[in-house]
Amino acid sequence: MKYNIYAGLGGSFGGATYQGTGEFDDENSATYCAYERAVEEYQSYEGYHGILDWGDVAEQEELDPEEDEEAINVAYQEEVESWIEYYAIPFDEDEE
């Protein structure tokens, strides 16, 4: 089934925008694709406009990268999740 994919960053970045249309096995696969695109967009802004990279998160949380890697990974993932927006809409139901 075809899905339109939307992904982006929230706040002043404008939210999720149309990324393209693709053929997917199910809605979960399409949504995961949208998620991956949103994460890629987040990573493209790391270090700019208040978007933190992994090292920034470690510093902000006052964690040692050599001793607290798992805790930093969790905090980094939470940071990414707080910024990204993504979803997929079946192609035939989307008005755009």
PDB file of N, CA and C in Angstrom:
ATOM      1  N   MET A   1       0.836  -1.176   0.000  1.00  0.00           N
ATOM      2  CA  MET A   1       0.000   0.000   0.000  1.00  0.00           C
ATOM      3  C   MET A   1       0.883   1.243   0.000  1.00  0.00           C
ATOM      4  N   LYS A   2       0.437   2.281  -0.660  1.00  0.00           N
ATOM      5  CA  LYS A   2       1.205   3.519  -0.718  1.00  0.00           C
ATOM      6  C   LYS A   2       0.863   4.419   0.469  1.00  0.00           C
ATOM      7  N   TYR A   3       1.914   5.068   1.007  1.00  0.00           N
ATOM      8  CA  TYR A   3       1.756   6.010   2.105  1.00  0.00           C
ATOM      9  C   TYR A   3       2.530   7.279   1.803  1.00  0.00           C
ATOM     10  N   ASN A   4       1.976   8.400   2.211  1.00  0.00           N
ATOM     11  CA  ASN A   4       2.697   9.669   2.207  1.00  0.00           C
ATOM     12  C   ASN A   4       3.404   9.779   3.543  1.00  0.00           C
ATOM     13  N   ILE A   5       4.677  10.149   3.482  1.00  0.00           N
ATOM     14  CA  ILE A   5       5.527  10.229   4.662  1.00  0.00           C
ATOM     15  C   ILE A   5       5.741  11.695   5.026  1.00  0.00           C
ATOM     16  N   TYR A   6       5.591  11.998   6.317  1.00  0.00           N
ATOM     17  CA  TYR A   6       5.803  13.341   6.839  1.00  0.00           C
ATOM     18  C   TYR A   6       6.788  13.252   7.991  1.00  0.00           C
ATOM     19  N   ALA A   7       7.764  14.171   8.017  1.00  0.00           N
ATOM     20  CA  ALA A   7       8.761  14.156   9.075  1.00  0.00           C
ATOM     21  C   ALA A   7       9.381  15.534   9.216  1.00  0.00           C
ATOM     22  N   GLY A   8       9.874  15.821  10.396  1.00  0.00           N
ATOM     23  CA  GLY A   8      10.552  17.088  10.631  1.00  0.00           C
ATOM     24  C   GLY A   8      10.766  17.338  12.099  1.00  0.00           C
ATOM     25  N   LEU A   9      11.116  18.585  12.403  1.00  0.00           N
ATOM     26  CA  LEU A   9      11.363  19.004  13.781  1.00  0.00           C
ATOM     27  C   LEU A   9      10.275  19.975  14.204  1.00  0.00           C
ATOM     28  N   GLY A  10       9.893  19.886  15.459  1.00  0.00           N
ATOM     29  CA  GLY A  10       8.877  20.767  15.996  1.00  0.00           C
ATOM     30  C   GLY A  10       9.426  22.139  16.327  1.00  0.00           C
ATOM     31  N   GLY A  11       8.644  22.875  17.090  1.00  0.00           N
ATOM     32  CA  GLY A  11       9.046  24.219  17.483  1.00  0.00           C
ATOM     33  C   GLY A  11       9.137  25.145  16.298  1.00  0.00           C
ATOM     34  N   SER A  12      10.126  25.998  16.315  1.00  0.00           N
ATOM     35  CA  SER A  12      10.286  26.979  15.244  1.00  0.00           C
ATOM     36  C   SER A  12      10.758  26.356  13.928  1.00  0.00           C
ATOM     37  N   PHE A  13      10.999  25.050  13.919  1.00  0.00           N
ATOM     38  CA  PHE A  13      11.425  24.375  12.692  1.00  0.00           C
ATOM     39  C   PHE A  13      10.250  24.051  11.782  1.00  0.00           C
ATOM     40  N   GLY A  14       9.034  24.192  12.267  1.00  0.00           N
ATOM     41  CA  GLY A  14       7.868  24.050  11.407  1.00  0.00           C
ATOM     42  C   GLY A  14       7.145  22.722  11.453  1.00  0.00           C
ATOM     43  N   GLY A  15       7.650  21.750  12.183  1.00  0.00           N
ATOM     44  CA  GLY A  15       6.953  20.469  12.286  1.00  0.00           C
ATOM     45  C   GLY A  15       7.194  19.558  11.107  1.00  0.00           C
ATOM     46  N   ALA A  16       6.400  18.511  11.057  1.00  0.00           N
ATOM     47  CA  ALA A  16       6.531  17.504  10.008  1.00  0.00           C
ATOM     48  C   ALA A  16       6.065  18.063   8.669  1.00  0.00           C
ATOM     49  N   THR A  17       6.854  17.812   7.636  1.00  0.00           N
ATOM     50  CA  THR A  17       6.510  18.215   6.282  1.00  0.00           C
ATOM     51  C   THR A  17       6.547  16.989   5.367  1.00  0.00           C
ATOM     52  N   TYR A  18       5.885  17.103   4.237  1.00  0.00           N
ATOM     53  CA  TYR A  18       5.830  16.004   3.269  1.00  0.00           C
ATOM     54  C   TYR A  18       7.237  15.640   2.811  1.00  0.00           C
ATOM     55  N   GLN A  19       7.564  14.361   2.896  1.00  0.00           N
ATOM     56  CA  GLN A  19       8.881  13.865   2.497  1.00  0.00           C
ATOM     57  C   GLN A  19       8.840  13.020   1.235  1.00  0.00           C
ATOM     58  N   GLY A  20       7.666  12.506   0.921  1.00  0.00           N
ATOM     59  CA  GLY A  20       7.543  11.673  -0.266  1.00  0.00           C
ATOM     60  C   GLY A  20       6.489  10.597  -0.077  1.00  0.00           C
ATOM     61  N   THR A  21       6.278   9.840  -1.132  1.00  0.00           N
ATOM     62  CA  THR A  21       5.302   8.750  -1.123  1.00  0.00           C
ATOM     63  C   THR A  21       6.040   7.463  -1.439  1.00  0.00           C
ATOM     64  N   GLY A  22       5.700   6.411  -0.723  1.00  0.00           N
ATOM     65  CA  GLY A  22       6.357   5.132  -0.959  1.00  0.00           C
ATOM     66  C   GLY A  22       5.421   3.967  -0.755  1.00  0.00           C
ATOM     67  N   GLU A  23       5.861   2.829  -1.226  1.00  0.00           N
ATOM     68  CA  GLU A  23       5.112   1.585  -1.086  1.00  0.00           C
ATOM     69  C   GLU A  23       5.630   0.866   0.161  1.00  0.00           C
ATOM     70  N   PHE A  24       4.709   0.505   1.066  1.00  0.00           N
ATOM     71  CA  PHE A  24       5.074  -0.145   2.322  1.00  0.00           C
ATOM     72  C   PHE A  24       4.154  -1.333   2.574  1.00  0.00           C
ATOM     73  N   ASP A  25       4.651  -2.294   3.357  1.00  0.00           N
ATOM     74  CA  ASP A  25       3.849  -3.471   3.697  1.00  0.00           C
ATOM     75  C   ASP A  25       2.659  -3.117   4.575  1.00  0.00           C
ATOM     76  N   ASP A  26       2.874  -2.153   5.496  1.00  0.00           N
ATOM     77  CA  ASP A  26       1.813  -1.778   6.418  1.00  0.00           C
ATOM     78  C   ASP A  26       2.097  -0.391   6.989  1.00  0.00           C
ATOM     79  N   GLU A  27       1.161   0.107   7.786  1.00  0.00           N
ATOM     80  CA  GLU A  27       1.300   1.450   8.349  1.00  0.00           C
ATOM     81  C   GLU A  27       2.494   1.552   9.295  1.00  0.00           C
ATOM     82  N   ASN A  28       2.780   0.485  10.029  1.00  0.00           N
ATOM     83  CA  ASN A  28       3.932   0.509  10.938  1.00  0.00           C
ATOM     84  C   ASN A  28       5.234   0.715  10.176  1.00  0.00           C
ATOM     85  N   SER A  29       5.380   0.063   9.052  1.00  0.00           N
ATOM     86  CA  SER A  29       6.592   0.225   8.231  1.00  0.00           C
ATOM     87  C   SER A  29       6.701   1.646   7.700  1.00  0.00           C
ATOM     88  N   ALA A  30       5.589   2.208   7.277  1.00  0.00           N
ATOM     89  CA  ALA A  30       5.584   3.575   6.766  1.00  0.00           C
ATOM     90  C   ALA A  30       5.904   4.566   7.882  1.00  0.00           C
ATOM     91  N   THR A  31       5.331   4.342   9.051  1.00  0.00           N
ATOM     92  CA  THR A  31       5.585   5.229  10.186  1.00  0.00           C
ATOM     93  C   THR A  31       7.048   5.138  10.616  1.00  0.00           C
ATOM     94  N   TYR A  32       7.620   3.948  10.584  1.00  0.00           N
ATOM     95  CA  TYR A  32       9.030   3.801  10.935  1.00  0.00           C
ATOM     96  C   TYR A  32       9.916   4.550   9.940  1.00  0.00           C
ATOM     97  N   CYS A  33       9.567   4.510   8.674  1.00  0.00           N
ATOM     98  CA  CYS A  33      10.306   5.272   7.665  1.00  0.00           C
ATOM     99  C   CYS A  33      10.242   6.758   7.983  1.00  0.00           C
ATOM    100  N   ALA A  34       9.056   7.241   8.356  1.00  0.00           N
ATOM    101  CA  ALA A  34       8.896   8.652   8.724  1.00  0.00           C
ATOM    102  C   ALA A  34       9.754   8.981   9.951  1.00  0.00           C
ATOM    103  N   TYR A  35       9.773   8.076  10.914  1.00  0.00           N
ATOM    104  CA  TYR A  35      10.600   8.248  12.111  1.00  0.00           C
ATOM    105  C   TYR A  35      12.077   8.382  11.734  1.00  0.00           C
ATOM    106  N   GLU A  36      12.551   7.486  10.885  1.00  0.00           N
ATOM    107  CA  GLU A  36      13.953   7.531  10.457  1.00  0.00           C
ATOM    108  C   GLU A  36      14.286   8.856   9.772  1.00  0.00           C
ATOM    109  N   ARG A  37      13.385   9.347   8.946  1.00  0.00           N
ATOM    110  CA  ARG A  37      13.610  10.635   8.275  1.00  0.00           C
ATOM    111  C   ARG A  37      13.654  11.768   9.279  1.00  0.00           C
ATOM    112  N   ALA A  38      12.806  11.725  10.289  1.00  0.00           N
ATOM    113  CA  ALA A  38      12.801  12.766  11.317  1.00  0.00           C
ATOM    114  C   ALA A  38      14.109  12.745  12.106  1.00  0.00           C
ATOM    115  N   VAL A  39      14.597  11.554  12.434  1.00  0.00           N
ATOM    116  CA  VAL A  39      15.872  11.438  13.155  1.00  0.00           C
ATOM    117  C   VAL A  39      17.009  11.973  12.288  1.00  0.00           C
ATOM    118  N   GLU A  40      17.003  11.664  11.005  1.00  0.00           N
ATOM    119  CA  GLU A  40      18.027  12.186  10.087  1.00  0.00           C
ATOM    120  C   GLU A  40      18.004  13.711  10.064  1.00  0.00           C
ATOM    121  N   GLU A  41      16.801  14.277  10.061  1.00  0.00           N
ATOM    122  CA  GLU A  41      16.700  15.731  10.061  1.00  0.00           C
ATOM    123  C   GLU A  41      17.251  16.301  11.362  1.00  0.00           C
ATOM    124  N   TYR A  42      16.904  15.668  12.481  1.00  0.00           N
ATOM    125  CA  TYR A  42      17.451  16.103  13.771  1.00  0.00           C
ATOM    126  C   TYR A  42      18.976  16.097  13.711  1.00  0.00           C
ATOM    127  N   GLN A  43      19.536  14.991  13.255  1.00  0.00           N
ATOM    128  CA  GLN A  43      20.992  14.849  13.209  1.00  0.00           C
ATOM    129  C   GLN A  43      21.642  15.870  12.287  1.00  0.00           C
ATOM    130  N   SER A  44      20.933  16.301  11.262  1.00  0.00           N
ATOM    131  CA  SER A  44      21.504  17.295  10.347  1.00  0.00           C
ATOM    132  C   SER A  44      21.626  18.670  11.010  1.00  0.00           C
ATOM    133  N   TYR A  45      20.881  18.893  12.087  1.00  0.00           N
ATOM    134  CA  TYR A  45      20.927  20.172  12.800  1.00  0.00           C
ATOM    135  C   TYR A  45      21.731  20.110  14.098  1.00  0.00           C
ATOM    136  N   GLU A  46      22.257  18.946  14.450  1.00  0.00           N
ATOM    137  CA  GLU A  46      22.997  18.827  15.706  1.00  0.00           C
ATOM    138  C   GLU A  46      24.106  19.864  15.782  1.00  0.00           C
ATOM    139  N   GLY A  47      24.158  20.522  16.922  1.00  0.00           N
ATOM    140  CA  GLY A  47      25.175  21.544  17.132  1.00  0.00           C
ATOM    141  C   GLY A  47      24.742  22.938  16.705  1.00  0.00           C
ATOM    142  N   TYR A  48      23.566  23.039  16.111  1.00  0.00           N
ATOM    143  CA  TYR A  48      23.051  24.324  15.641  1.00  0.00           C
ATOM    144  C   TYR A  48      21.660  24.574  16.218  1.00  0.00           C
ATOM    145  N   HIS A  49      21.329  25.827  16.407  1.00  0.00           N
ATOM    146  CA  HIS A  49      19.974  26.239  16.789  1.00  0.00           C
ATOM    147  C   HIS A  49      19.452  25.529  18.039  1.00  0.00           C
ATOM    148  N   GLY A  50      20.334  25.205  18.970  1.00  0.00           N
ATOM    149  CA  GLY A  50      19.913  24.569  20.212  1.00  0.00           C
ATOM    150  C   GLY A  50      19.687  23.076  20.130  1.00  0.00           C
ATOM    151  N   ILE A  51      20.019  22.462  18.998  1.00  0.00           N
ATOM    152  CA  ILE A  51      19.871  21.017  18.843  1.00  0.00           C
ATOM    153  C   ILE A  51      21.137  20.353  19.377  1.00  0.00           C
ATOM    154  N   LEU A  52      20.968  19.494  20.382  1.00  0.00           N
ATOM    155  CA  LEU A  52      22.109  18.882  21.062  1.00  0.00           C
ATOM    156  C   LEU A  52      22.566  17.604  20.372  1.00  0.00           C
ATOM    157  N   ASP A  53      23.877  17.412  20.307  1.00  0.00           N
ATOM    158  CA  ASP A  53      24.402  16.138  19.846  1.00  0.00           C
ATOM    159  C   ASP A  53      24.676  15.258  21.071  1.00  0.00           C
ATOM    160  N   TRP A  54      25.154  14.051  20.859  1.00  0.00           N
ATOM    161  CA  TRP A  54      25.378  13.087  21.940  1.00  0.00           C
ATOM    162  C   TRP A  54      26.308  13.659  23.003  1.00  0.00           C
ATOM    163  N   GLY A  55      27.390  14.294  22.578  1.00  0.00           N
ATOM    164  CA  GLY A  55      28.346  14.878  23.520  1.00  0.00           C
ATOM    165  C   GLY A  55      27.747  16.017  24.320  1.00  0.00           C
ATOM    166  N   ASP A  56      26.921  16.826  23.669  1.00  0.00           N
ATOM    167  CA  ASP A  56      26.246  17.914  24.376  1.00  0.00           C
ATOM    168  C   ASP A  56      25.322  17.369  25.461  1.00  0.00           C
ATOM    169  N   VAL A  57      24.623  16.285  25.144  1.00  0.00           N
ATOM    170  CA  VAL A  57      23.724  15.671  26.119  1.00  0.00           C
ATOM    171  C   VAL A  57      24.530  15.149  27.306  1.00  0.00           C
ATOM    172  N   ALA A  58      25.666  14.507  27.031  1.00  0.00           N
ATOM    173  CA  ALA A  58      26.520  14.005  28.112  1.00  0.00           C
ATOM    174  C   ALA A  58      26.957  15.147  29.017  1.00  0.00           C
ATOM    175  N   GLU A  59      27.364  16.234  28.404  1.00  0.00           N
ATOM    176  CA  GLU A  59      27.808  17.400  29.167  1.00  0.00           C
ATOM    177  C   GLU A  59      26.654  18.002  29.972  1.00  0.00           C
ATOM    178  N   GLN A  60      25.520  18.160  29.341  1.00  0.00           N
ATOM    179  CA  GLN A  60      24.357  18.747  30.006  1.00  0.00           C
ATOM    180  C   GLN A  60      23.915  17.893  31.199  1.00  0.00           C
ATOM    181  N   GLU A  61      23.969  16.584  31.038  1.00  0.00           N
ATOM    182  CA  GLU A  61      23.553  15.664  32.100  1.00  0.00           C
ATOM    183  C   GLU A  61      24.685  15.401  33.102  1.00  0.00           C
ATOM    184  N   GLU A  62      25.854  15.996  32.830  1.00  0.00           N
ATOM    185  CA  GLU A  62      27.042  15.819  33.676  1.00  0.00           C
ATOM    186  C   GLU A  62      27.390  14.338  33.834  1.00  0.00           C
ATOM    187  N   LEU A  63      27.409  13.635  32.699  1.00  0.00           N
ATOM    188  CA  LEU A  63      27.742  12.220  32.667  1.00  0.00           C
ATOM    189  C   LEU A  63      29.070  12.012  31.956  1.00  0.00           C
ATOM    190  N   ASP A  64      29.810  11.013  32.380  1.00  0.00           N
ATOM    191  CA  ASP A  64      31.105  10.672  31.801  1.00  0.00           C
ATOM    192  C   ASP A  64      30.881   9.725  30.619  1.00  0.00           C
ATOM    193  N   PRO A  65      31.281  10.131  29.411  1.00  0.00           N
ATOM    194  CA  PRO A  65      31.060   9.287  28.229  1.00  0.00           C
ATOM    195  C   PRO A  65      31.668   7.889  28.332  1.00  0.00           C
ATOM    196  N   GLU A  66      32.744   7.740  29.073  1.00  0.00           N
ATOM    197  CA  GLU A  66      33.380   6.427  29.188  1.00  0.00           C
ATOM    198  C   GLU A  66      32.692   5.541  30.221  1.00  0.00           C
ATOM    199  N   GLU A  67      32.055   6.131  31.205  1.00  0.00           N
ATOM    200  CA  GLU A  67      31.439   5.352  32.279  1.00  0.00           C
ATOM    201  C   GLU A  67      29.918   5.278  32.181  1.00  0.00           C
ATOM    202  N   ASP A  68      29.302   6.234  31.527  1.00  0.00           N
ATOM    203  CA  ASP A  68      27.847   6.345  31.535  1.00  0.00           C
ATOM    204  C   ASP A  68      27.232   6.300  30.133  1.00  0.00           C
ATOM    205  N   GLU A  69      27.821   5.520  29.248  1.00  0.00           N
ATOM    206  CA  GLU A  69      27.373   5.505  27.854  1.00  0.00           C
ATOM    207  C   GLU A  69      25.889   5.158  27.723  1.00  0.00           C
ATOM    208  N   GLU A  70      25.432   4.156  28.467  1.00  0.00           N
ATOM    209  CA  GLU A  70      24.028   3.757  28.366  1.00  0.00           C
ATOM    210  C   GLU A  70      23.097   4.875  28.834  1.00  0.00           C
ATOM    211  N   ALA A  71      23.427   5.528  29.931  1.00  0.00           N
ATOM    212  CA  ALA A  71      22.603   6.632  30.442  1.00  0.00           C
ATOM    213  C   ALA A  71      22.598   7.795  29.449  1.00  0.00           C
ATOM    214  N   ILE A  72      23.722   8.040  28.817  1.00  0.00           N
ATOM    215  CA  ILE A  72      23.799   9.118  27.818  1.00  0.00           C
ATOM    216  C   ILE A  72      22.940   8.747  26.608  1.00  0.00           C
ATOM    217  N   ASN A  73      23.001   7.491  26.183  1.00  0.00           N
ATOM    218  CA  ASN A  73      22.179   7.048  25.052  1.00  0.00           C
ATOM    219  C   ASN A  73      20.695   7.256  25.330  1.00  0.00           C
ATOM    220  N   VAL A  74      20.273   6.938  26.551  1.00  0.00           N
ATOM    221  CA  VAL A  74      18.864   7.117  26.929  1.00  0.00           C
ATOM    222  C   VAL A  74      18.510   8.601  26.928  1.00  0.00           C
ATOM    223  N   ALA A  75      19.349   9.425  27.519  1.00  0.00           N
ATOM    224  CA  ALA A  75      19.086  10.870  27.572  1.00  0.00           C
ATOM    225  C   ALA A  75      19.102  11.477  26.165  1.00  0.00           C
ATOM    226  N   TYR A  76      20.030  11.021  25.323  1.00  0.00           N
ATOM    227  CA  TYR A  76      20.094  11.508  23.939  1.00  0.00           C
ATOM    228  C   TYR A  76      18.813  11.146  23.193  1.00  0.00           C
ATOM    229  N   GLN A  77      18.361   9.892  23.340  1.00  0.00           N
ATOM    230  CA  GLN A  77      17.137   9.454  22.670  1.00  0.00           C
ATOM    231  C   GLN A  77      15.947  10.290  23.124  1.00  0.00           C
ATOM    232  N   GLU A  78      15.878  10.587  24.408  1.00  0.00           N
ATOM    233  CA  GLU A  78      14.798  11.436  24.923  1.00  0.00           C
ATOM    234  C   GLU A  78      14.870  12.836  24.317  1.00  0.00           C
ATOM    235  N   GLU A  79      16.068  13.358  24.155  1.00  0.00           N
ATOM    236  CA  GLU A  79      16.254  14.678  23.549  1.00  0.00           C
ATOM    237  C   GLU A  79      15.766  14.665  22.101  1.00  0.00           C
ATOM    238  N   VAL A  80      16.168  13.650  21.350  1.00  0.00           N
ATOM    239  CA  VAL A  80      15.739  13.530  19.956  1.00  0.00           C
ATOM    240  C   VAL A  80      14.215  13.445  19.892  1.00  0.00           C
ATOM    241  N   GLU A  81      13.628  12.573  20.713  1.00  0.00           N
ATOM    242  CA  GLU A  81      12.183  12.374  20.712  1.00  0.00           C
ATOM    243  C   GLU A  81      11.424  13.655  21.060  1.00  0.00           C
ATOM    244  N   SER A  82      12.031  14.513  21.861  1.00  0.00           N
ATOM    245  CA  SER A  82      11.344  15.751  22.242  1.00  0.00           C
ATOM    246  C   SER A  82      11.260  16.754  21.087  1.00  0.00           C
ATOM    247  N   TRP A  83      12.070  16.548  20.050  1.00  0.00           N
ATOM    248  CA  TRP A  83      12.106  17.478  18.915  1.00  0.00           C
ATOM    249  C   TRP A  83      11.393  16.977  17.669  1.00  0.00           C
ATOM    250  N   ILE A  84      11.446  15.681  17.428  1.00  0.00           N
ATOM    251  CA  ILE A  84      10.981  15.179  16.135  1.00  0.00           C
ATOM    252  C   ILE A  84       9.461  15.024  16.078  1.00  0.00           C
ATOM    253  N   GLU A  85       8.941  15.180  14.856  1.00  0.00           N
ATOM    254  CA  GLU A  85       7.536  14.937  14.544  1.00  0.00           C
ATOM    255  C   GLU A  85       7.502  14.109  13.271  1.00  0.00           C
ATOM    256  N   TYR A  86       6.640  13.093  13.238  1.00  0.00           N
ATOM    257  CA  TYR A  86       6.581  12.215  12.066  1.00  0.00           C
ATOM    258  C   TYR A  86       5.257  11.461  12.036  1.00  0.00           C
ATOM    259  N   TYR A  87       4.814  11.123  10.845  1.00  0.00           N
ATOM    260  CA  TYR A  87       3.628  10.289  10.676  1.00  0.00           C
ATOM    261  C   TYR A  87       3.529   9.863   9.216  1.00  0.00           C
ATOM    262  N   ALA A  88       2.664   8.881   8.987  1.00  0.00           N
ATOM    263  CA  ALA A  88       2.403   8.394   7.633  1.00  0.00           C
ATOM    264  C   ALA A  88       0.889   8.341   7.429  1.00  0.00           C
ATOM    265  N   ILE A  89       0.463   8.683   6.237  1.00  0.00           N
ATOM    266  CA  ILE A  89      -0.951   8.688   5.897  1.00  0.00           C
ATOM    267  C   ILE A  89      -1.131   7.862   4.625  1.00  0.00           C
ATOM    268  N   PRO A  90      -2.104   6.946   4.618  1.00  0.00           N
ATOM    269  CA  PRO A  90      -2.349   6.197   3.378  1.00  0.00           C
ATOM    270  C   PRO A  90      -2.551   7.162   2.217  1.00  0.00           C
ATOM    271  N   PHE A  91      -1.930   6.875   1.108  1.00  0.00           N
ATOM    272  CA  PHE A  91      -1.941   7.749  -0.053  1.00  0.00           C
ATOM    273  C   PHE A  91      -3.351   8.103  -0.503  1.00  0.00           C
ATOM    274  N   ASP A  92      -4.223   7.151  -0.541  1.00  0.00           N
ATOM    275  CA  ASP A  92      -5.572   7.420  -1.047  1.00  0.00           C
ATOM    276  C   ASP A  92      -6.449   8.202  -0.066  1.00  0.00           C
ATOM    277  N   GLU A  93      -6.017   8.338   1.201  1.00  0.00           N
ATOM    278  CA  GLU A  93      -6.776   9.096   2.186  1.00  0.00           C
ATOM    279  C   GLU A  93      -6.252  10.513   2.386  1.00  0.00           C
ATOM    280  N   ASP A  94      -5.060  10.757   1.887  1.00  0.00           N
ATOM    281  CA  ASP A  94      -4.421  12.052   2.085  1.00  0.00           C
ATOM    282  C   ASP A  94      -4.911  13.032   1.033  1.00  0.00           C
ATOM    283  N   GLU A  95      -5.247  14.216   1.479  1.00  0.00           N
ATOM    284  CA  GLU A  95      -5.781  15.231   0.562  1.00  0.00           C
ATOM    285  C   GLU A  95      -4.705  16.032  -0.145  1.00  0.00           C
ATOM    286  N   GLU A  96      -3.455  15.921   0.305  1.00  0.00           N
ATOM    287  CA  GLU A  96      -2.387  16.734  -0.299  1.00  0.00           C
ATOM    288  C   GLU A  96      -1.872  16.118  -1.563  1.00  0.00           C
TER     289      GLU A  96
END
